[in-house]
PDB file of all heavy atoms in Angstrom:
ATOM      1  N   VAL A   1      58.707 119.055  -5.229  1.00  0.00           N
ATOM      2  CA  VAL A   1      57.552 118.922  -4.421  1.00  0.00           C
ATOM      3  C   VAL A   1      56.323 118.370  -5.198  1.00  0.00           C
ATOM      4  O   VAL A   1      55.397 117.816  -4.624  1.00  0.00           O
ATOM      5  CB  VAL A   1      57.173 120.263  -3.736  1.00  0.00           C
ATOM      6  CG1 VAL A   1      56.427 121.193  -4.683  1.00  0.00           C
ATOM      7  CG2 VAL A   1      56.315 120.028  -2.475  1.00  0.00           C
ATOM      8  N   ASN A   2      56.324 118.464  -6.521  1.00  0.00           N
ATOM      9  CA  ASN A   2      55.275 117.949  -7.365  1.00  0.00           C
ATOM     10  C   ASN A   2      55.276 116.405  -7.365  1.00  0.00           C
ATOM     11  O   ASN A   2      54.273 115.786  -7.772  1.00  0.00           O
ATOM     12  CB  ASN A   2      55.468 118.436  -8.838  1.00  0.00           C
ATOM     13  CG  ASN A   2      55.178 119.869  -9.026  1.00  0.00           C
ATOM     14  OD1 ASN A   2      54.273 120.412  -8.322  1.00  0.00           O
ATOM     15  ND2 ASN A   2      55.958 120.556  -9.808  1.00  0.00           N
ATOM     16  N   LEU A   3      56.272 115.771  -6.789  1.00  0.00           N
ATOM     17  CA  LEU A   3      56.361 114.328  -6.760  1.00  0.00           C
ATOM     18  C   LEU A   3      55.470 113.814  -5.610  1.00  0.00           C
ATOM     19  O   LEU A   3      55.163 112.610  -5.592  1.00  0.00           O
ATOM     20  CB  LEU A   3      57.778 113.855  -6.501  1.00  0.00           C
ATOM     21  CG  LEU A   3      58.789 114.127  -7.589  1.00  0.00           C
ATOM     22  CD1 LEU A   3      60.229 113.885  -7.097  1.00  0.00           C
ATOM     23  CD2 LEU A   3      58.520 113.173  -8.748  1.00  0.00           C
ATOM     24  N   PHE A   4      55.066 114.670  -4.720  1.00  0.00           N
ATOM     25  CA  PHE A   4      54.420 114.237  -3.501  1.00  0.00           C
ATOM     26  C   PHE A   4      53.063 114.839  -3.444  1.00  0.00           C
ATOM     27  O   PHE A   4      52.822 115.998  -2.889  1.00  0.00           O
ATOM     28  CB  PHE A   4      55.234 114.618  -2.284  1.00  0.00           C
ATOM     29  CG  PHE A   4      56.652 114.103  -2.371  1.00  0.00           C
ATOM     30  CD1 PHE A   4      57.656 115.003  -2.824  1.00  0.00           C
ATOM     31  CD2 PHE A   4      56.997 112.849  -1.974  1.00  0.00           C
ATOM     32  CE1 PHE A   4      58.983 114.607  -2.921  1.00  0.00           C
ATOM     33  CE2 PHE A   4      58.351 112.417  -2.107  1.00  0.00           C
ATOM     34  CZ  PHE A   4      59.276 113.277  -2.552  1.00  0.00           C
ATOM     35  N   ASP A   5      51.997 114.186  -3.991  1.00  0.00           N
ATOM     36  CA  ASP A   5      50.670 114.776  -4.054  1.00  0.00           C
ATOM     37  C   ASP A   5      50.059 114.966  -2.722  1.00  0.00           C
ATOM     38  O   ASP A   5      49.456 116.055  -2.471  1.00  0.00           O
ATOM     39  CB  ASP A   5      49.833 113.810  -4.886  1.00  0.00           C
ATOM     40  CG  ASP A   5      50.232 113.773  -6.349  1.00  0.00           C
ATOM     41  OD1 ASP A   5      50.836 114.749  -6.810  1.00  0.00           O
ATOM     42  OD2 ASP A   5      49.995 112.738  -7.027  1.00  0.00           O
ATOM     43  N   GLU A   6      50.163 114.034  -1.852  1.00  0.00           N
ATOM     44  CA  GLU A   6      49.639 114.139  -0.518  1.00  0.00           C
ATOM     45  C   GLU A   6      50.226 115.246   0.263  1.00  0.00           C
ATOM     46  O   GLU A   6      49.505 116.075   0.945  1.00  0.00           O
ATOM     47  CB  GLU A   6      49.752 112.818   0.231  1.00  0.00           C
ATOM     48  CG  GLU A   6      48.923 111.653  -0.381  1.00  0.00           C
ATOM     49  CD  GLU A   6      49.079 110.397   0.442  1.00  0.00           C
ATOM     50  OE1 GLU A   6      49.419 110.452   1.578  1.00  0.00           O
ATOM     51  OE2 GLU A   6      48.889 109.282  -0.175  1.00  0.00           O
ATOM     52  N   ALA A   7      51.534 115.350   0.228  1.00  0.00           N
ATOM     53  CA  ALA A   7      52.207 116.460   0.954  1.00  0.00           C
ATOM     54  C   ALA A   7      51.867 117.799   0.376  1.00  0.00           C
ATOM     55  O   ALA A   7      51.619 118.760   1.106  1.00  0.00           O
ATOM     56  CB  ALA A   7      53.694 116.241   0.956  1.00  0.00           C
ATOM     57  N   LYS A   8      51.732 117.858  -0.955  1.00  0.00           N
ATOM     58  CA  LYS A   8      51.374 119.077  -1.574  1.00  0.00           C
ATOM     59  C   LYS A   8      49.953 119.501  -1.184  1.00  0.00           C
ATOM     60  O   LYS A   8      49.699 120.706  -0.919  1.00  0.00           O
ATOM     61  CB  LYS A   8      51.487 118.931  -3.127  1.00  0.00           C
ATOM     62  CG  LYS A   8      51.419 120.272  -3.918  1.00  0.00           C
ATOM     63  CD  LYS A   8      51.706 119.965  -5.358  1.00  0.00           C
ATOM     64  CE  LYS A   8      51.677 121.264  -6.198  1.00  0.00           C
ATOM     65  NZ  LYS A   8      51.932 121.040  -7.604  1.00  0.00           N
ATOM     66  N   GLU A   9      49.059 118.545  -1.191  1.00  0.00           N
ATOM     67  CA  GLU A   9      47.690 118.870  -0.754  1.00  0.00           C
ATOM     68  C   GLU A   9      47.654 119.355   0.691  1.00  0.00           C
ATOM     69  O   GLU A   9      46.859 120.220   1.076  1.00  0.00           O
ATOM     70  CB  GLU A   9      46.841 117.664  -0.988  1.00  0.00           C
ATOM     71  CG  GLU A   9      45.372 117.799  -0.523  1.00  0.00           C
ATOM     72  CD  GLU A   9      44.694 118.886  -1.324  1.00  0.00           C
ATOM     73  OE1 GLU A   9      44.997 119.182  -2.433  1.00  0.00           O
ATOM     74  OE2 GLU A   9      43.683 119.423  -0.740  1.00  0.00           O
ATOM     75  N   PHE A  10      48.513 118.675   1.486  1.00  0.00           N
ATOM     76  CA  PHE A  10      48.578 119.065   2.885  1.00  0.00           C
ATOM     77  C   PHE A  10      49.004 120.497   3.079  1.00  0.00           C
ATOM     78  O   PHE A  10      48.467 121.273   3.876  1.00  0.00           O
ATOM     79  CB  PHE A  10      49.516 118.124   3.630  1.00  0.00           C
ATOM     80  CG  PHE A  10      49.549 118.292   5.134  1.00  0.00           C
ATOM     81  CD1 PHE A  10      48.771 117.576   5.950  1.00  0.00           C
ATOM     82  CD2 PHE A  10      50.408 119.245   5.706  1.00  0.00           C
ATOM     83  CE1 PHE A  10      48.849 117.722   7.344  1.00  0.00           C
ATOM     84  CE2 PHE A  10      50.468 119.498   7.038  1.00  0.00           C
ATOM     85  CZ  PHE A  10      49.693 118.650   7.872  1.00  0.00           C
ATOM     86  N   MET A  11      50.007 120.966   2.254  1.00  0.00           N
ATOM     87  CA  MET A  11      50.472 122.290   2.326  1.00  0.00           C
ATOM     88  C   MET A  11      49.416 123.284   1.850  1.00  0.00           C
ATOM     89  O   MET A  11      49.178 124.353   2.421  1.00  0.00           O
ATOM     90  CB  MET A  11      51.807 122.446   1.548  1.00  0.00           C
ATOM     91  CG  MET A  11      53.004 121.835   2.151  1.00  0.00           C
ATOM     92  SD  MET A  11      54.573 122.229   1.307  1.00  0.00           S
ATOM     93  CE  MET A  11      54.402 121.118  -0.104  1.00  0.00           C
ATOM     94  N   PHE A  12      48.746 122.900   0.787  1.00  0.00           N
ATOM     95  CA  PHE A  12      47.718 123.818   0.218  1.00  0.00           C
ATOM     96  C   PHE A  12      46.487 123.952   1.069  1.00  0.00           C
ATOM     97  O   PHE A  12      45.814 124.992   1.080  1.00  0.00           O
ATOM     98  CB  PHE A  12      47.353 123.301  -1.175  1.00  0.00           C
ATOM     99  CG  PHE A  12      48.448 123.495  -2.160  1.00  0.00           C
ATOM    100  CD1 PHE A  12      48.329 122.923  -3.421  1.00  0.00           C
ATOM    101  CD2 PHE A  12      49.612 124.183  -1.869  1.00  0.00           C
ATOM    102  CE1 PHE A  12      49.345 123.000  -4.345  1.00  0.00           C
ATOM    103  CE2 PHE A  12      50.596 124.314  -2.810  1.00  0.00           C
ATOM    104  CZ  PHE A  12      50.483 123.701  -4.053  1.00  0.00           C
ATOM    105  N   SER A  13      46.197 122.872   1.824  1.00  0.00           N
ATOM    106  CA  SER A  13      44.982 122.875   2.641  1.00  0.00           C
ATOM    107  C   SER A  13      45.238 123.264   4.066  1.00  0.00           C
ATOM    108  O   SER A  13      44.273 123.416   4.828  1.00  0.00           O
ATOM    109  CB  SER A  13      44.293 121.525   2.545  1.00  0.00           C
ATOM    110  OG  SER A  13      45.168 120.550   3.208  1.00  0.00           O
ATOM    111  N   GLY A  14      46.475 123.443   4.408  1.00  0.00           N
ATOM    112  CA  GLY A  14      46.792 123.830   5.853  1.00  0.00           C
ATOM    113  C   GLY A  14      46.581 122.626   6.736  1.00  0.00           C
ATOM    114  O   GLY A  14      46.495 122.852   7.970  1.00  0.00           O
ATOM    115  N   GLY A  15      46.474 121.381   6.240  1.00  0.00           N
ATOM    116  CA  GLY A  15      46.348 120.222   7.065  1.00  0.00           C
ATOM    117  C   GLY A  15      44.995 120.176   7.729  1.00  0.00           C
ATOM    118  O   GLY A  15      44.756 119.274   8.544  1.00  0.00           O
ATOM    119  N   ASP A  16      44.007 121.022   7.296  1.00  0.00           N
ATOM    120  CA  ASP A  16      42.675 120.974   7.883  1.00  0.00           C
ATOM    121  C   ASP A  16      42.685 121.084   9.425  1.00  0.00           C
ATOM    122  O   ASP A  16      41.932 120.463  10.112  1.00  0.00           O
ATOM    123  CB  ASP A  16      41.971 119.658   7.477  1.00  0.00           C
ATOM    124  CG  ASP A  16      41.620 119.663   5.982  1.00  0.00           C
ATOM    125  OD1 ASP A  16      41.480 120.748   5.399  1.00  0.00           O
ATOM    126  OD2 ASP A  16      41.562 118.551   5.397  1.00  0.00           O
ATOM    127  N   SER A  17      43.613 121.838   9.901  1.00  0.00           N
ATOM    128  CA  SER A  17      43.766 121.945  11.388  1.00  0.00           C
ATOM    129  C   SER A  17      44.167 123.357  11.701  1.00  0.00           C
ATOM    130  O   SER A  17      45.084 123.965  11.043  1.00  0.00           O
ATOM    131  CB  SER A  17      44.807 121.003  11.868  1.00  0.00           C
ATOM    132  OG  SER A  17      45.106 121.331  13.217  1.00  0.00           O
ATOM    133  N   ASN A  18      43.471 123.952  12.685  1.00  0.00           N
ATOM    134  CA  ASN A  18      43.814 125.327  13.102  1.00  0.00           C
ATOM    135  C   ASN A  18      45.179 125.391  13.716  1.00  0.00           C
ATOM    136  O   ASN A  18      45.915 126.392  13.508  1.00  0.00           O
ATOM    137  CB  ASN A  18      42.762 125.851  14.112  1.00  0.00           C
ATOM    138  CG  ASN A  18      41.411 126.162  13.447  1.00  0.00           C
ATOM    139  OD1 ASN A  18      41.389 126.289  12.240  1.00  0.00           O
ATOM    140  ND2 ASN A  18      40.409 126.230  14.247  1.00  0.00           N
ATOM    141  N   ASP A  19      45.617 124.372  14.421  1.00  0.00           N
ATOM    142  CA  ASP A  19      46.995 124.367  15.017  1.00  0.00           C
ATOM    143  C   ASP A  19      48.038 124.384  13.931  1.00  0.00           C
ATOM    144  O   ASP A  19      49.061 125.079  14.068  1.00  0.00           O
ATOM    145  CB  ASP A  19      47.102 123.075  15.929  1.00  0.00           C
ATOM    146  CG  ASP A  19      46.219 123.149  17.144  1.00  0.00           C
ATOM    147  OD1 ASP A  19      45.806 124.242  17.526  1.00  0.00           O
ATOM    148  OD2 ASP A  19      45.908 122.016  17.645  1.00  0.00           O
ATOM    149  N   ILE A  20      47.910 123.567  12.898  1.00  0.00           N
ATOM    150  CA  ILE A  20      48.905 123.539  11.879  1.00  0.00           C
ATOM    151  C   ILE A  20      48.860 124.827  11.035  1.00  0.00           C
ATOM    152  O   ILE A  20      49.868 125.384  10.689  1.00  0.00           O
ATOM    153  CB  ILE A  20      48.598 122.356  10.896  1.00  0.00           C
ATOM    154  CG1 ILE A  20      48.902 121.029  11.717  1.00  0.00           C
ATOM    155  CG2 ILE A  20      49.503 122.410   9.689  1.00  0.00           C
ATOM    156  CD1 ILE A  20      48.611 119.756  10.863  1.00  0.00           C
ATOM    157  N   LEU A  21      47.601 125.408  10.882  1.00  0.00           N
ATOM    158  CA  LEU A  21      47.496 126.688  10.193  1.00  0.00           C
ATOM    159  C   LEU A  21      48.252 127.798  10.981  1.00  0.00           C
ATOM    160  O   LEU A  21      48.999 128.587  10.432  1.00  0.00           O
ATOM    161  CB  LEU A  21      46.009 127.007  10.090  1.00  0.00           C
ATOM    162  CG  LEU A  21      45.714 128.497   9.587  1.00  0.00           C
ATOM    163  CD1 LEU A  21      46.338 128.765   8.211  1.00  0.00           C
ATOM    164  CD2 LEU A  21      44.271 128.765   9.572  1.00  0.00           C
ATOM    165  N   GLN A  22      48.081 127.748  12.289  1.00  0.00           N
ATOM    166  CA  GLN A  22      48.760 128.731  13.109  1.00  0.00           C
ATOM    167  C   GLN A  22      50.262 128.574  13.038  1.00  0.00           C
ATOM    168  O   GLN A  22      51.003 129.565  12.976  1.00  0.00           O
ATOM    169  CB  GLN A  22      48.333 128.604  14.574  1.00  0.00           C
ATOM    170  CG  GLN A  22      48.916 129.577  15.528  1.00  0.00           C
ATOM    171  CD  GLN A  22      48.476 131.016  15.245  1.00  0.00           C
ATOM    172  OE1 GLN A  22      47.494 131.220  14.538  1.00  0.00           O
ATOM    173  NE2 GLN A  22      49.154 132.002  15.855  1.00  0.00           N
ATOM    174  N   SER A  23      50.742 127.320  12.952  1.00  0.00           N
ATOM    175  CA  SER A  23      52.179 127.081  12.836  1.00  0.00           C
ATOM    176  C   SER A  23      52.715 127.590  11.479  1.00  0.00           C
ATOM    177  O   SER A  23      53.786 128.175  11.389  1.00  0.00           O
ATOM    178  CB  SER A  23      52.496 125.573  12.939  1.00  0.00           C
ATOM    179  OG  SER A  23      52.112 125.116  14.214  1.00  0.00           O
ATOM    180  N   PHE A  24      51.898 127.374  10.438  1.00  0.00           N
ATOM    181  CA  PHE A  24      52.267 127.894   9.144  1.00  0.00           C
ATOM    182  C   PHE A  24      52.431 129.438   9.145  1.00  0.00           C
ATOM    183  O   PHE A  24      53.427 130.019   8.629  1.00  0.00           O
ATOM    184  CB  PHE A  24      51.268 127.503   8.070  1.00  0.00           C
ATOM    185  CG  PHE A  24      51.435 126.116   7.518  1.00  0.00           C
ATOM    186  CD1 PHE A  24      50.358 125.398   7.131  1.00  0.00           C
ATOM    187  CD2 PHE A  24      52.685 125.533   7.428  1.00  0.00           C
ATOM    188  CE1 PHE A  24      50.456 124.118   6.634  1.00  0.00           C
ATOM    189  CE2 PHE A  24      52.822 124.269   6.969  1.00  0.00           C
ATOM    190  CZ  PHE A  24      51.705 123.534   6.530  1.00  0.00           C
ATOM    191  N   LEU A  25      51.451 130.112   9.796  1.00  0.00           N
ATOM    192  CA  LEU A  25      51.478 131.548   9.876  1.00  0.00           C
ATOM    193  C   LEU A  25      52.700 132.062  10.702  1.00  0.00           C
ATOM    194  O   LEU A  25      53.370 133.039  10.340  1.00  0.00           O
ATOM    195  CB  LEU A  25      50.257 132.098  10.443  1.00  0.00           C
ATOM    196  CG  LEU A  25      48.930 131.833   9.641  1.00  0.00           C
ATOM    197  CD1 LEU A  25      47.669 132.202  10.408  1.00  0.00           C
ATOM    198  CD2 LEU A  25      49.027 132.475   8.275  1.00  0.00           C
ATOM    199  N   LEU A  26      53.044 131.318  11.794  1.00  0.00           N
ATOM    200  CA  LEU A  26      54.175 131.748  12.556  1.00  0.00           C
ATOM    201  C   LEU A  26      55.459 131.528  11.803  1.00  0.00           C
ATOM    202  O   LEU A  26      56.366 132.387  11.842  1.00  0.00           O
ATOM    203  CB  LEU A  26      54.227 130.889  13.853  1.00  0.00           C
ATOM    204  CG  LEU A  26      53.121 131.241  14.886  1.00  0.00           C
ATOM    205  CD1 LEU A  26      53.257 130.243  16.090  1.00  0.00           C
ATOM    206  CD2 LEU A  26      53.318 132.647  15.374  1.00  0.00           C
ATOM    207  N   VAL A  27      55.567 130.418  11.005  1.00  0.00           N
ATOM    208  CA  VAL A  27      56.760 130.110  10.192  1.00  0.00           C
ATOM    209  C   VAL A  27      56.854 131.260   9.116  1.00  0.00           C
ATOM    210  O   VAL A  27      57.992 131.682   8.827  1.00  0.00           O
ATOM    211  CB  VAL A  27      56.613 128.757   9.537  1.00  0.00           C
ATOM    212  CG1 VAL A  27      57.707 128.604   8.431  1.00  0.00           C
ATOM    213  CG2 VAL A  27      56.782 127.653  10.542  1.00  0.00           C
ATOM    214  N   HIS A  28      55.725 131.668   8.561  1.00  0.00           N
ATOM    215  CA  HIS A  28      55.813 132.690   7.608  1.00  0.00           C
ATOM    216  C   HIS A  28      56.363 134.016   8.159  1.00  0.00           C
ATOM    217  O   HIS A  28      57.194 134.719   7.556  1.00  0.00           O
ATOM    218  CB  HIS A  28      54.422 132.964   7.026  1.00  0.00           C
ATOM    219  CG  HIS A  28      54.296 134.123   6.069  1.00  0.00           C
ATOM    220  ND1 HIS A  28      55.175 134.322   5.077  1.00  0.00           N
ATOM    221  CD2 HIS A  28      53.376 135.100   6.037  1.00  0.00           C
ATOM    222  CE1 HIS A  28      54.898 135.427   4.425  1.00  0.00           C
ATOM    223  NE2 HIS A  28      53.749 135.936   4.966  1.00  0.00           N
ATOM    224  N   LYS A  29      55.893 134.346   9.364  1.00  0.00           N
ATOM    225  CA  LYS A  29      56.344 135.606  10.025  1.00  0.00           C
ATOM    226  C   LYS A  29      57.859 135.466  10.390  1.00  0.00           C
ATOM    227  O   LYS A  29      58.609 136.448  10.266  1.00  0.00           O
ATOM    228  CB  LYS A  29      55.568 135.862  11.280  1.00  0.00           C
ATOM    229  CG  LYS A  29      54.101 136.208  10.960  1.00  0.00           C
ATOM    230  CD  LYS A  29      53.307 136.495  12.225  1.00  0.00           C
ATOM    231  CE  LYS A  29      51.876 136.876  11.891  1.00  0.00           C
ATOM    232  NZ  LYS A  29      51.048 137.163  13.120  1.00  0.00           N
ATOM    233  N   ILE A  30      58.268 134.295  10.848  1.00  0.00           N
ATOM    234  CA  ILE A  30      59.671 134.065  11.139  1.00  0.00           C
ATOM    235  C   ILE A  30      60.545 134.209   9.906  1.00  0.00           C
ATOM    236  O   ILE A  30      61.619 134.820   9.874  1.00  0.00           O
ATOM    237  CB  ILE A  30      59.932 132.678  11.788  1.00  0.00           C
ATOM    238  CG1 ILE A  30      59.256 132.644  13.191  1.00  0.00           C
ATOM    239  CG2 ILE A  30      61.414 132.368  11.840  1.00  0.00           C
ATOM    240  CD1 ILE A  30      59.217 131.267  13.761  1.00  0.00           C
ATOM    241  N   HIS A  31      60.012 133.699   8.807  1.00  0.00           N
ATOM    242  CA  HIS A  31      60.712 133.796   7.532  1.00  0.00           C
ATOM    243  C   HIS A  31      60.866 135.238   7.141  1.00  0.00           C
ATOM    244  O   HIS A  31      61.961 135.720   6.642  1.00  0.00           O
ATOM    245  CB  HIS A  31      59.955 133.041   6.431  1.00  0.00           C
ATOM    246  CG  HIS A  31      60.511 133.126   5.094  1.00  0.00           C
ATOM    247  ND1 HIS A  31      61.727 132.665   4.682  1.00  0.00           N
ATOM    248  CD2 HIS A  31      60.011 133.832   3.946  1.00  0.00           C
ATOM    249  CE1 HIS A  31      61.978 132.994   3.414  1.00  0.00           C
ATOM    250  NE2 HIS A  31      60.938 133.642   2.944  1.00  0.00           N
ATOM    251  N   LYS A  32      59.789 136.025   7.295  1.00  0.00           N
ATOM    252  CA  LYS A  32      59.915 137.463   6.927  1.00  0.00           C
ATOM    253  C   LYS A  32      60.881 138.171   7.827  1.00  0.00           C
ATOM    254  O   LYS A  32      61.662 139.067   7.372  1.00  0.00           O
ATOM    255  CB  LYS A  32      58.482 138.104   7.068  1.00  0.00           C
ATOM    256  CG  LYS A  32      57.496 137.615   5.976  1.00  0.00           C
ATOM    257  CD  LYS A  32      57.963 138.043   4.627  1.00  0.00           C
ATOM    258  CE  LYS A  32      56.980 137.700   3.519  1.00  0.00           C
ATOM    259  NZ  LYS A  32      57.484 138.058   2.168  1.00  0.00           N
ATOM    260  N   ALA A  33      60.961 137.805   9.113  1.00  0.00           N
ATOM    261  CA  ALA A  33      61.848 138.457  10.048  1.00  0.00           C
ATOM    262  C   ALA A  33      63.280 138.069   9.664  1.00  0.00           C
ATOM    263  O   ALA A  33      64.197 138.924   9.729  1.00  0.00           O
ATOM    264  CB  ALA A  33      61.553 138.003  11.461  1.00  0.00           C
ATOM    265  N   MET A  34      63.468 136.801   9.263  1.00  0.00           N
ATOM    266  CA  MET A  34      64.845 136.428   8.844  1.00  0.00           C
ATOM    267  C   MET A  34      65.241 137.148   7.567  1.00  0.00           C
ATOM    268  O   MET A  34      66.384 137.540   7.430  1.00  0.00           O
ATOM    269  CB  MET A  34      64.857 134.871   8.603  1.00  0.00           C
ATOM    270  CG  MET A  34      64.929 134.051   9.846  1.00  0.00           C
ATOM    271  SD  MET A  34      65.119 132.316   9.480  1.00  0.00           S
ATOM    272  CE  MET A  34      65.414 131.650  11.091  1.00  0.00           C
TER     273      MET A  34
END
């Protein structure tokens, strides 16, 4: 993932969007459930 600066910044910043942030949080909870 270090090869992709823009994608890495997108992950670290949450895409500067509440919708994407909410998706990240849901994915995290799904991951914990799995």
